[in-house]
Amino acid sequence: MASRTRLVLRLALQDLWHDRYVSLCIAAALVAVIAPLLLLFGLKHGVVSQLQRELLDDPRNLEVRMLTSGSYDEAWLEEIRALPGVGFAIGQTRSLNTQADLLRDRQHFLEGIELIPSAAGDPLLGESVSVPVGKGVVLSEPAARRLEVVAGEQLTLAASRRLDGQAERGRLEVSVLDVLPAARFPRPAAFVEPPLLIELERFRDGHPSPLLGVVSGIQRDDYPVRFARARIFASDGDAVAGVVQALEARRFDTASRLAEIESVRAINRVLGLIFGVIAAAALIGCLASMAGAFMANIDRKRREYAVLRLLGFHKHAVAAFVTAQVGLLTLIAFAAGLALFALGSALFNRALATSHLAAGVVSHITVIHALIALALTLVVALAVAAIGVARAFGIQPAESLREA
């Protein structure tokens, strides 16, 4: 059995080499379909992947901003954190209490800078930026540039209030722990630990604040922690819509970049439809072309097939002979198509990398994509082989005697 199989394979290879020009034409027709389809899919996958990567690289696209203010407790915040799709949530105090002055010296200061509560897991900070702790703050790059400070330097955080007709000003020495790149937050701001914001709120509500160096005011030991809203981030781009719906179902007005995320999805769907139609048409054309070529080749070699049948080649051997030829030509054509795709992708990526149309790789496929493409190509090859085998089965051994 093994020797017969080797004989069939050797005869198939020798026959392809004998008719190498015809074999080359059949393989070239298949390459002409495989290479453009791989390039088209590589561009579609690369462009959509780049758009998605740009969206995910900017964590602001995951933020769902609450436009509705209220008075909420810690239990409400835990409920928000438990919503499906929420990756990060932290409470915010009233808008008036999220501003303060930052001073380095008389020449370098920022009035009314935005104070943003932050904690471990904040998507804006990511993994490369320190988390604000205690009297340590993280400055956005625009704020650090205007103050001319770097990580490790000291600043004065100041807040003002008016109590019983008297103006009072609290001060706190803070240290710059890190600087957040402008690409992640383009406005002057300081990221602080939530207790510091709560302390500022107590101070502005007229209570003493030893932390800020102010002892006057109404002493209240049972000052409740309340939040006006929350900073909320979805766990990923696909979860933004669900978070928006969950918040709006609770009658919170929101603002998000859901439209940008949906536009990328729409582009993916449109490109997928276009590629699917083109691929289907190309595969059908490829199937018809290869089937016609093999049927013509079999008809041209009717006498040779009849001789093989006369010499004892059963239908299984003939089927293996035709299938081996189709499979070998398909594998050669797929390898050549993959090589042309690699060359074309390199040209695309090099040409577009220096332009403003794209940044990075714009045409690429994964190993899984290549294996799927190979599987589809082999399915077409099996269909062609089935048509060719059916044609070869119609050749009778007696035909070799009639033509002898």
Protein backbone atom coordinates (compact mmCIF):
# COMPACT_ATOMS: atom_id res chain seq x y z
CA MET A 1 0.00 0.00 0.00
CA ALA A 2 2.79 2.42 0.94
CA SER A 3 4.74 1.56 -2.20
CA ARG A 4 1.64 2.14 -4.36
CA THR A 5 1.10 5.50 -2.70
CA ARG A 6 4.71 6.51 -3.33
CA LEU A 7 4.34 5.40 -6.94
CA VAL A 8 1.22 7.51 -7.42
CA LEU A 9 2.89 10.58 -5.88
CA ARG A 10 6.05 10.10 -7.96
CA LEU A 11 4.02 9.78 -11.16
CA ALA A 12 2.01 12.89 -10.24
CA LEU A 13 5.18 14.90 -9.67
CA GLN A 14 6.79 13.64 -12.87
CA ASP A 15 3.66 14.45 -14.85
CA LEU A 16 3.58 18.00 -13.46
CA TRP A 17 7.23 18.48 -14.33
CA HIS A 18 6.75 17.06 -17.81
CA ASP A 19 3.96 19.59 -18.42
CA ARG A 20 5.68 22.27 -16.34
CA TYR A 21 4.57 25.15 -18.54
CA VAL A 22 0.92 24.15 -18.20
CA SER A 23 1.43 23.57 -14.46
CA LEU A 24 3.02 27.00 -14.16
CA CYS A 25 0.05 28.62 -15.87
CA ILE A 26 -2.41 26.90 -13.52
CA ALA A 27 -0.36 27.89 -10.44
CA ALA A 28 0.01 31.46 -11.73
CA ALA A 29 -3.76 31.76 -12.11
CA LEU A 30 -4.14 30.74 -8.48
CA VAL A 31 -1.40 33.14 -7.33
CA ALA A 32 -3.18 35.95 -9.18
CA VAL A 33 -6.16 35.39 -6.87
CA ILE A 34 -4.38 34.61 -3.58
CA ALA A 35 -1.89 37.51 -3.49
CA PRO A 36 -4.39 40.36 -4.13
CA LEU A 37 -6.88 38.88 -1.65
CA LEU A 38 -4.20 38.64 1.03
CA LEU A 39 -3.11 42.22 0.34
CA LEU A 40 -6.69 43.46 0.43
CA PHE A 41 -7.41 41.66 3.69
CA GLY A 42 -4.07 42.79 5.14
CA LEU A 43 -4.95 46.42 4.41
CA LYS A 44 -8.44 46.01 5.85
CA HIS A 45 -7.14 44.32 8.99
CA GLY A 46 -4.22 46.73 9.36
CA VAL A 47 -6.26 49.92 8.94
CA VAL A 48 -9.02 48.82 11.32
CA SER A 49 -6.50 47.50 13.86
CA GLN A 50 -4.63 50.80 13.73
CA LEU A 51 -7.82 52.80 14.28
CA GLN A 52 -8.80 50.56 17.19
CA ARG A 53 -5.29 50.77 18.64
CA GLU A 54 -5.37 54.57 18.46
CA LEU A 55 -8.71 54.58 20.24
CA LEU A 56 -7.53 52.24 22.98
CA ASP A 57 -4.17 53.98 23.37
CA ASP A 58 -6.09 57.13 24.31
CA PRO A 59 -7.86 56.21 27.57
CA ARG A 60 -10.03 59.29 27.26
CA ASN A 61 -12.05 57.32 24.73
CA LEU A 62 -13.02 54.95 27.51
CA GLU A 63 -14.26 57.72 29.79
CA VAL A 64 -17.98 58.21 30.36
CA ARG A 65 -18.40 61.66 31.89
CA MET A 66 -21.33 62.34 34.16
CA LEU A 67 -23.05 65.65 33.40
CA THR A 68 -25.55 65.29 36.24
CA SER A 69 -24.53 66.39 39.74
CA GLY A 70 -26.04 65.27 43.01
CA SER A 71 -25.11 64.18 46.51
CA TYR A 72 -24.08 60.54 46.71
CA ASP A 73 -22.45 58.37 49.33
CA GLU A 74 -19.86 55.61 49.22
CA ALA A 75 -22.54 52.93 48.72
CA TRP A 76 -23.64 54.67 45.53
CA LEU A 77 -20.04 54.73 44.30
CA GLU A 78 -19.69 51.00 44.97
CA GLU A 79 -22.89 50.43 42.98
CA ILE A 80 -21.40 52.33 40.05
CA ARG A 81 -18.20 50.29 40.26
CA ALA A 82 -20.26 47.10 40.17
CA LEU A 83 -21.99 48.01 36.89
CA PRO A 84 -21.14 45.65 34.01
CA GLY A 85 -18.35 47.06 31.86
CA VAL A 86 -17.06 49.60 34.39
CA GLY A 87 -13.30 49.28 34.69
CA PHE A 88 -12.58 52.23 36.99
CA ALA A 89 -14.71 54.65 39.00
CA ILE A 90 -13.75 57.23 41.61
CA GLY A 91 -15.85 59.84 43.37
CA GLN A 92 -15.59 63.58 42.67
CA THR A 93 -16.47 66.45 44.96
CA ARG A 94 -18.41 69.54 43.91
CA SER A 95 -16.91 71.47 40.97
CA LEU A 96 -15.97 74.45 43.17
CA ASN A 97 -13.82 72.18 45.30
CA THR A 98 -11.92 70.68 42.38
CA GLN A 99 -9.90 73.85 41.82
CA ALA A 100 -6.95 75.33 43.66
CA ASP A 101 -3.83 77.40 43.08
CA LEU A 102 -0.39 75.88 42.57
CA LEU A 103 2.65 78.01 43.28
CA ARG A 104 6.34 77.44 42.81
CA ASP A 105 7.45 81.03 43.36
CA ARG A 106 6.28 84.52 42.50
CA GLN A 107 7.06 84.03 38.81
CA HIS A 108 5.65 80.51 38.44
CA PHE A 109 2.10 79.85 39.56
CA LEU A 110 -1.24 78.57 38.24
CA GLU A 111 -4.53 79.93 39.52
CA GLY A 112 -7.63 77.76 39.62
CA ILE A 113 -5.90 74.66 38.30
CA GLU A 114 -8.09 71.59 37.92
CA LEU A 115 -7.72 68.98 40.67
CA ILE A 116 -8.65 65.49 39.58
CA PRO A 117 -9.12 62.60 42.03
CA SER A 118 -7.13 59.54 41.13
CA ALA A 119 -6.12 56.16 42.51
CA ALA A 120 -4.47 52.93 41.49
CA GLY A 121 -5.93 51.61 38.26
CA ASP A 122 -6.69 55.05 36.78
CA PRO A 123 -6.60 54.54 32.98
CA LEU A 124 -5.32 58.08 32.42
CA LEU A 125 -2.23 57.39 34.50
CA GLY A 126 -1.66 53.90 33.16
CA GLU A 127 1.11 51.70 34.48
CA SER A 128 4.04 54.01 33.72
CA VAL A 129 2.93 56.99 35.84
CA SER A 130 2.99 57.11 39.62
CA VAL A 131 -0.25 57.16 41.59
CA PRO A 132 -0.84 60.27 43.79
CA VAL A 133 -0.56 59.42 47.48
CA GLY A 134 -0.95 61.69 50.51
CA LYS A 135 0.69 65.03 49.78
CA GLY A 136 2.08 63.82 46.47
CA VAL A 137 0.51 64.99 43.21
CA VAL A 138 0.86 64.08 39.55
CA LEU A 139 0.93 67.06 37.18
CA SER A 140 -0.15 67.05 33.59
CA GLU A 141 2.62 68.03 31.18
CA PRO A 142 1.06 71.46 30.37
CA ALA A 143 0.91 72.28 34.09
CA ALA A 144 4.47 71.10 34.74
CA ARG A 145 5.72 73.07 31.73
CA ARG A 146 4.09 76.31 32.86
CA LEU A 147 5.34 75.86 36.42
CA GLU A 148 8.75 74.70 35.16
CA VAL A 149 8.93 71.81 37.59
CA VAL A 150 9.91 68.16 37.29
CA ALA A 151 9.22 65.11 39.39
CA GLY A 152 10.65 65.40 42.88
CA GLU A 153 10.21 69.15 43.30
CA GLN A 154 7.97 70.88 45.83
CA LEU A 155 4.97 73.13 45.22
CA THR A 156 2.47 75.01 47.36
CA LEU A 157 -1.20 74.17 46.95
CA ALA A 158 -3.40 77.06 48.09
CA ALA A 159 -7.16 77.45 48.44
CA SER A 160 -9.22 80.47 49.53
CA ARG A 161 -12.53 80.91 51.32
CA ARG A 162 -14.56 83.65 52.93
CA LEU A 163 -15.84 82.96 56.45
CA ASP A 164 -17.78 85.52 58.50
CA GLY A 165 -16.72 88.24 56.11
CA GLN A 166 -13.05 87.37 56.51
CA ALA A 167 -10.89 86.06 53.68
CA GLU A 168 -8.86 82.99 54.64
CA ARG A 169 -6.31 81.06 52.68
CA GLY A 170 -5.16 77.54 53.34
CA ARG A 171 -1.81 76.24 52.17
CA LEU A 172 -0.26 72.81 51.81
CA GLU A 173 3.21 71.83 50.66
CA VAL A 174 2.93 69.08 48.05
CA SER A 175 5.53 67.14 46.10
CA VAL A 176 5.45 66.38 42.39
CA LEU A 177 5.53 62.59 42.08
CA ASP A 178 5.35 62.36 38.31
CA VAL A 179 4.35 64.19 35.12
CA LEU A 180 1.56 62.87 32.89
CA PRO A 181 2.24 63.21 29.12
CA ALA A 182 0.12 65.77 27.27
CA ALA A 183 -1.13 63.06 24.92
CA ARG A 184 -3.02 61.56 27.84
CA PHE A 185 -4.29 64.81 29.33
CA PRO A 186 -3.77 68.04 27.38
CA ARG A 187 -5.06 70.53 29.99
CA PRO A 188 -3.19 71.95 33.01
CA ALA A 189 -4.27 69.76 35.93
CA ALA A 190 -3.07 68.02 39.05
CA PHE A 191 -4.08 64.49 39.97
CA VAL A 192 -4.52 64.11 43.71
CA GLU A 193 -5.65 61.52 46.23
CA PRO A 194 -9.42 61.72 47.02
CA PRO A 195 -8.93 62.56 50.75
CA LEU A 196 -7.16 65.78 49.73
CA LEU A 197 -10.18 66.86 47.68
CA ILE A 198 -12.48 66.03 50.59
CA GLU A 199 -10.27 68.11 52.87
CA LEU A 200 -10.55 71.06 50.47
CA GLU A 201 -14.32 70.64 50.47
CA ARG A 202 -14.40 70.67 54.29
CA PHE A 203 -12.29 73.80 54.26
CA ARG A 204 -14.53 75.62 51.79
CA ASP A 205 -17.62 74.51 53.70
CA GLY A 206 -16.33 76.50 56.67
CA HIS A 207 -14.71 73.81 58.77
CA PRO A 208 -11.25 73.89 60.34
CA SER A 209 -8.49 72.24 58.33
CA PRO A 210 -5.26 71.59 60.23
CA LEU A 211 -3.88 69.99 57.07
CA LEU A 212 -4.20 73.34 55.26
CA GLY A 213 -3.04 75.28 58.30
CA VAL A 214 -6.44 76.81 59.14
CA VAL A 215 -7.95 76.21 62.60
CA SER A 216 -10.91 78.59 62.47
CA GLY A 217 -14.38 77.45 61.48
CA ILE A 218 -17.21 75.23 62.66
CA GLN A 219 -15.89 71.99 64.10
CA ARG A 220 -17.78 68.89 62.91
CA ASP A 221 -16.47 65.44 63.63
CA ASP A 222 -19.27 63.70 61.74
CA TYR A 223 -18.61 65.38 58.40
CA PRO A 224 -20.20 62.98 55.89
CA VAL A 225 -18.28 62.10 52.73
CA ARG A 226 -20.47 62.94 49.75
CA PHE A 227 -19.74 62.89 46.04
CA ALA A 228 -21.25 65.14 43.39
CA ARG A 229 -20.46 62.73 40.56
CA ALA A 230 -17.85 60.16 39.59
CA ARG A 231 -15.03 59.72 37.10
CA ILE A 232 -16.03 56.56 35.22
CA PHE A 233 -14.05 54.55 32.67
CA ALA A 234 -15.24 51.51 30.76
CA SER A 235 -13.07 48.40 30.86
CA ASP A 236 -12.64 48.45 27.05
CA GLY A 237 -14.05 50.06 23.93
CA ASP A 238 -16.79 47.45 23.54
CA ALA A 239 -18.08 48.18 27.04
CA VAL A 240 -18.57 51.94 26.58
CA ALA A 241 -22.06 51.61 25.10
CA GLY A 242 -23.20 49.35 27.95
CA VAL A 243 -21.88 51.75 30.60
CA VAL A 244 -23.62 54.69 28.91
CA GLN A 245 -26.91 52.79 28.78
CA ALA A 246 -26.62 51.72 32.42
CA LEU A 247 -26.00 55.29 33.60
CA GLU A 248 -28.73 56.77 31.43
CA ALA A 249 -31.14 54.13 32.76
CA ARG A 250 -30.41 55.64 36.19
CA ARG A 251 -31.28 59.08 34.76
CA PHE A 252 -27.72 60.38 34.59
CA ASP A 253 -26.82 62.59 31.65
CA THR A 254 -23.52 61.46 30.14
CA ALA A 255 -20.96 62.45 27.55
CA SER A 256 -18.60 60.00 25.89
CA ARG A 257 -16.75 59.26 22.68
CA LEU A 258 -19.12 56.48 21.76
CA ALA A 259 -19.64 58.04 18.31
CA GLU A 260 -15.93 57.68 17.47
CA ILE A 261 -15.94 54.05 18.64
CA GLU A 262 -19.07 53.30 16.61
CA SER A 263 -17.50 54.91 13.54
CA VAL A 264 -14.58 52.48 13.72
CA ARG A 265 -17.02 49.59 14.03
CA ALA A 266 -18.94 50.89 11.02
CA ILE A 267 -15.72 51.11 9.00
CA ASN A 268 -14.91 47.53 10.00
CA ARG A 269 -18.36 46.32 8.91
CA VAL A 270 -18.22 48.14 5.56
CA LEU A 271 -14.70 46.96 4.78
CA GLY A 272 -15.66 43.45 5.85
CA LEU A 273 -18.63 43.46 3.47
CA ILE A 274 -16.53 44.80 0.59
CA PHE A 275 -13.80 42.25 1.20
CA GLY A 276 -16.33 39.42 1.53
CA VAL A 277 -17.99 40.22 -1.80
CA ILE A 278 -14.66 40.57 -3.60
CA ALA A 279 -13.28 37.40 -2.01
CA ALA A 280 -16.38 35.38 -2.90
CA ALA A 281 -16.29 36.56 -6.52
CA ALA A 282 -12.56 35.87 -6.76
CA LEU A 283 -12.85 32.39 -5.24
CA ILE A 284 -15.70 31.45 -7.56
CA GLY A 285 -13.68 32.70 -10.52
CA CYS A 286 -10.62 30.83 -9.28
CA LEU A 287 -12.64 27.64 -8.85
CA ALA A 288 -14.05 27.91 -12.36
CA SER A 289 -10.64 28.72 -13.87
CA MET A 290 -8.80 25.88 -12.15
CA ALA A 291 -11.59 23.39 -12.77
CA GLY A 292 -11.64 24.30 -16.46
CA ALA A 293 -7.86 24.04 -16.70
CA PHE A 294 -7.74 20.62 -15.04
CA MET A 295 -10.65 19.26 -17.04
CA ALA A 296 -8.97 20.42 -20.26
CA ASN A 297 -5.70 18.87 -19.10
CA ILE A 298 -7.41 15.58 -18.28
CA ASP A 299 -9.18 15.55 -21.66
CA ARG A 300 -5.84 16.19 -23.33
CA LYS A 301 -4.40 13.17 -21.51
CA ARG A 302 -7.30 10.78 -21.89
CA ARG A 303 -5.05 8.17 -23.50
CA GLU A 304 -2.51 8.37 -20.66
CA TYR A 305 -5.25 7.99 -18.03
CA ALA A 306 -6.71 5.06 -19.97
CA VAL A 307 -3.29 3.38 -20.01
CA LEU A 308 -2.99 3.84 -16.24
CA ARG A 309 -6.39 2.22 -15.79
CA LEU A 310 -5.36 -0.62 -18.10
CA LEU A 311 -2.16 -1.17 -16.08
CA GLY A 312 -4.19 -1.75 -12.95
CA PHE A 313 -4.73 1.72 -11.48
CA HIS A 314 -8.09 1.61 -9.77
CA LYS A 315 -10.33 4.60 -9.30
CA HIS A 316 -8.83 5.29 -5.87
CA ALA A 317 -5.36 5.53 -7.39
CA VAL A 318 -6.62 7.85 -10.14
CA ALA A 319 -8.35 10.03 -7.53
CA ALA A 320 -5.13 10.17 -5.49
CA PHE A 321 -3.18 11.04 -8.66
CA VAL A 322 -5.43 14.00 -9.52
CA THR A 323 -5.73 15.17 -5.90
CA ALA A 324 -1.96 15.08 -5.41
CA GLN A 325 -1.45 17.26 -8.47
CA VAL A 326 -4.10 19.76 -7.42
CA GLY A 327 -2.83 19.86 -3.82
CA LEU A 328 0.80 20.34 -4.81
CA LEU A 329 0.01 23.13 -7.26
CA THR A 330 -2.19 24.79 -4.62
CA LEU A 331 0.52 24.71 -1.94
CA ILE A 332 3.10 26.11 -4.37
CA ALA A 333 0.69 28.84 -5.43
CA PHE A 334 -0.19 29.71 -1.83
CA ALA A 335 3.48 29.98 -0.86
CA ALA A 336 4.14 32.25 -3.85
CA GLY A 337 1.04 34.33 -3.01
CA LEU A 338 2.18 34.67 0.60
CA ALA A 339 5.62 35.81 -0.56
CA LEU A 340 4.08 38.40 -2.88
CA PHE A 341 1.84 39.56 -0.03
CA ALA A 342 4.88 40.04 2.22
CA LEU A 343 6.59 42.06 -0.51
CA GLY A 344 3.50 44.17 -1.19
CA SER A 345 2.89 44.79 2.51
CA ALA A 346 6.47 45.94 2.99
CA LEU A 347 6.08 48.38 0.11
CA PHE A 348 2.76 49.68 1.49
CA ASN A 349 4.10 50.09 5.01
CA ARG A 350 7.26 51.83 3.86
CA ALA A 351 5.42 54.16 1.48
CA LEU A 352 2.70 55.16 3.96
CA ALA A 353 4.91 55.31 7.05
CA THR A 354 6.48 58.55 5.80
CA SER A 355 3.14 60.15 4.95
CA HIS A 356 0.42 61.66 7.10
CA LEU A 357 -2.05 59.02 5.99
CA ALA A 358 -0.90 56.40 8.47
CA ALA A 359 1.38 55.88 11.42
CA GLY A 360 2.93 52.45 11.75
CA VAL A 361 2.01 49.20 10.06
CA VAL A 362 -1.01 49.53 7.76
CA SER A 363 -0.98 46.10 6.12
CA HIS A 364 -0.47 42.88 8.02
CA ILE A 365 -2.12 39.58 8.85
CA THR A 366 -1.70 37.22 11.77
CA VAL A 367 -0.68 33.56 11.71
CA ILE A 368 -4.33 32.63 12.31
CA HIS A 369 -5.36 34.67 9.27
CA ALA A 370 -2.73 32.92 7.13
CA LEU A 371 -3.92 29.50 8.28
CA ILE A 372 -7.55 30.40 7.54
CA ALA A 373 -6.53 31.60 4.07
CA LEU A 374 -4.65 28.33 3.51
CA ALA A 375 -7.70 26.34 4.62
CA LEU A 376 -9.98 28.24 2.22
CA THR A 377 -7.48 27.72 -0.59
CA LEU A 378 -7.38 23.99 0.12
CA VAL A 379 -11.19 23.87 0.13
CA VAL A 380 -11.16 25.36 -3.37
CA ALA A 381 -8.45 22.87 -4.34
CA LEU A 382 -10.53 19.95 -3.06
CA ALA A 383 -13.52 21.17 -5.06
CA VAL A 384 -11.34 21.37 -8.17
CA ALA A 385 -9.92 17.92 -7.42
CA ALA A 386 -13.43 16.49 -7.04
CA ILE A 387 -14.43 17.88 -10.45
CA GLY A 388 -11.22 16.56 -12.01
CA VAL A 389 -11.64 13.13 -10.41
CA ALA A 390 -15.20 12.91 -11.68
CA ARG A 391 -13.91 13.70 -15.16
CA ALA A 392 -11.11 11.14 -14.90
CA PHE A 393 -13.49 8.44 -13.70
CA GLY A 394 -15.30 8.72 -17.03
CA ILE A 395 -12.21 7.50 -18.88
CA GLN A 396 -12.35 3.75 -19.60
CA PRO A 397 -9.30 1.47 -20.01
CA ALA A 398 -10.58 0.35 -23.42
CA GLU A 399 -9.95 3.83 -24.84
CA SER A 400 -6.21 3.11 -24.87
CA LEU A 401 -6.82 0.02 -26.99
CA ARG A 402 -9.06 1.81 -29.44
CA GLU A 403 -6.42 4.51 -29.99
CA ALA A 404 -3.53 2.04 -30.16
